């Protein structure tokens, strides 16, 4: 988790984890559920990206897959 390669992803994951807990315990506000949902999605994506760092060429593979999916949506 302290590897220089994984430091940013770890910080994003842990930061979102702490932010989610804090938002859950705040008094209810208008878009609280939406904020929690967004934080959970960011946590999931950060965890996936962190896991891909252990697979050789995992980040490159994920970027290629994302480009492929986005180009399919762009073409219709």
C-alpha atoms as a PDB file:
ATOM      1  CA  UNK A   1       0.000   0.000   0.000  1.00  0.00           C
ATOM      2  CA  UNK A   2       2.965   2.312   0.447  1.00  0.00           C
ATOM      3  CA  UNK A   3       4.597   1.450  -2.863  1.00  0.00           C
ATOM      4  CA  UNK A   4       5.220   4.606  -4.885  1.00  0.00           C
ATOM      5  CA  UNK A   5       3.354   2.986  -7.765  1.00  0.00           C
ATOM      6  CA  UNK A   6       0.220   2.473  -5.660  1.00  0.00           C
ATOM      7  CA  UNK A   7       0.398   5.451  -3.289  1.00  0.00           C
ATOM      8  CA  UNK A   8      -2.092   7.730  -5.096  1.00  0.00           C
ATOM      9  CA  UNK A   9      -4.646   4.977  -5.568  1.00  0.00           C
ATOM     10  CA  UNK A  10      -4.306   3.969  -1.917  1.00  0.00           C
ATOM     11  CA  UNK A  11      -4.792   7.567  -0.797  1.00  0.00           C
ATOM     12  CA  UNK A  12      -7.918   7.947  -2.958  1.00  0.00           C
ATOM     13  CA  UNK A  13      -9.366   4.691  -1.618  1.00  0.00           C
ATOM     14  CA  UNK A  14      -8.673   5.429   2.048  1.00  0.00           C
ATOM     15  CA  UNK A  15      -9.771   9.059   1.659  1.00  0.00           C
ATOM     16  CA  UNK A  16     -13.093   8.032   0.124  1.00  0.00           C
ATOM     17  CA  UNK A  17     -13.550   5.380   2.785  1.00  0.00           C
ATOM     18  CA  UNK A  18     -13.113   7.957   5.554  1.00  0.00           C
ATOM     19  CA  UNK A  19     -15.275  10.504   3.711  1.00  0.00           C
ATOM     20  CA  UNK A  20     -18.060   7.927   3.315  1.00  0.00           C
ATOM     21  CA  UNK A  21     -18.104   7.174   7.029  1.00  0.00           C
ATOM     22  CA  UNK A  22     -18.084  10.881   7.882  1.00  0.00           C
ATOM     23  CA  UNK A  23     -20.920  11.666   5.466  1.00  0.00           C
ATOM     24  CA  UNK A  24     -22.955   8.770   6.860  1.00  0.00           C
ATOM     25  CA  UNK A  25     -22.764  10.183  10.373  1.00  0.00           C
ATOM     26  CA  UNK A  26     -23.462  13.806   9.430  1.00  0.00           C
ATOM     27  CA  UNK A  27     -26.950  15.153  10.021  1.00  0.00           C
ATOM     28  CA  UNK A  28     -29.122  14.427   7.010  1.00  0.00           C
ATOM     29  CA  UNK A  29     -28.805  16.890   4.123  1.00  0.00           C
ATOM     30  CA  UNK A  30     -30.499  17.094   0.755  1.00  0.00           C
ATOM     31  CA  UNK A  31     -28.132  15.061  -1.466  1.00  0.00           C
ATOM     32  CA  UNK A  32     -26.562  12.838   1.179  1.00  0.00           C
ATOM     33  CA  UNK A  33     -27.506   9.577  -0.538  1.00  0.00           C
ATOM     34  CA  UNK A  34     -26.082  10.796  -3.838  1.00  0.00           C
ATOM     35  CA  UNK A  35     -22.806  11.836  -2.197  1.00  0.00           C
ATOM     36  CA  UNK A  36     -22.517   8.449  -0.491  1.00  0.00           C
ATOM     37  CA  UNK A  37     -23.215   6.636  -3.758  1.00  0.00           C
ATOM     38  CA  UNK A  38     -20.563   8.665  -5.607  1.00  0.00           C
ATOM     39  CA  UNK A  39     -18.008   8.001  -2.849  1.00  0.00           C
ATOM     40  CA  UNK A  40     -18.743   4.268  -2.962  1.00  0.00           C
ATOM     41  CA  UNK A  41     -18.322   4.198  -6.745  1.00  0.00           C
ATOM     42  CA  UNK A  42     -14.971   6.014  -6.448  1.00  0.00           C
ATOM     43  CA  UNK A  43     -13.907   3.524  -3.759  1.00  0.00           C
ATOM     44  CA  UNK A  44     -14.772   0.611  -6.028  1.00  0.00           C
ATOM     45  CA  UNK A  45     -12.896   2.095  -8.997  1.00  0.00           C
ATOM     46  CA  UNK A  46      -9.846   2.880  -6.851  1.00  0.00           C
ATOM     47  CA  UNK A  47      -9.837  -0.668  -5.485  1.00  0.00           C
ATOM     48  CA  UNK A  48     -10.068  -2.102  -9.015  1.00  0.00           C
ATOM     49  CA  UNK A  49      -7.220   0.128 -10.210  1.00  0.00           C
ATOM     50  CA  UNK A  50      -5.140  -0.866  -7.165  1.00  0.00           C
ATOM     51  CA  UNK A  51      -5.773  -4.558  -7.870  1.00  0.00           C
ATOM     52  CA  UNK A  52      -4.814  -4.134 -11.528  1.00  0.00           C
ATOM     53  CA  UNK A  53      -1.399  -2.863 -10.438  1.00  0.00           C
ATOM     54  CA  UNK A  54      -0.538  -6.400  -9.321  1.00  0.00           C
ATOM     55  CA  UNK A  55      -1.304  -7.879 -12.755  1.00  0.00           C
ATOM     56  CA  UNK A  56       1.462  -7.477 -15.326  1.00  0.00           C
ATOM     57  CA  UNK A  57       0.274  -4.906 -17.883  1.00  0.00           C
ATOM     58  CA  UNK A  58      -3.034  -4.678 -15.975  1.00  0.00           C
ATOM     59  CA  UNK A  59      -3.290  -0.894 -16.228  1.00  0.00           C
ATOM     60  CA  UNK A  60      -2.514  -0.993 -19.943  1.00  0.00           C
ATOM     61  CA  UNK A  61      -5.144  -3.676 -20.474  1.00  0.00           C
ATOM     62  CA  UNK A  62      -7.776  -1.700 -18.537  1.00  0.00           C
ATOM     63  CA  UNK A  63      -7.023   1.486 -20.487  1.00  0.00           C
ATOM     64  CA  UNK A  64      -7.334  -0.415 -23.767  1.00  0.00           C
ATOM     65  CA  UNK A  65     -10.642  -1.931 -22.703  1.00  0.00           C
ATOM     66  CA  UNK A  66     -11.959   1.479 -21.624  1.00  0.00           C
ATOM     67  CA  UNK A  67     -10.932   2.988 -24.966  1.00  0.00           C
ATOM     68  CA  UNK A  68     -12.647   0.154 -26.812  1.00  0.00           C
ATOM     69  CA  UNK A  69     -15.865   0.566 -24.849  1.00  0.00           C
ATOM     70  CA  UNK A  70     -15.867   4.345 -25.209  1.00  0.00           C
ATOM     71  CA  UNK A  71     -15.241   4.137 -28.966  1.00  0.00           C
ATOM     72  CA  UNK A  72     -18.155   1.680 -29.294  1.00  0.00           C
ATOM     73  CA  UNK A  73     -20.422   4.169 -27.504  1.00  0.00           C
ATOM     74  CA  UNK A  74     -19.136   7.035 -29.634  1.00  0.00           C
ATOM     75  CA  UNK A  75     -19.843   5.154 -32.859  1.00  0.00           C
ATOM     76  CA  UNK A  76     -23.319   4.253 -31.718  1.00  0.00           C
END
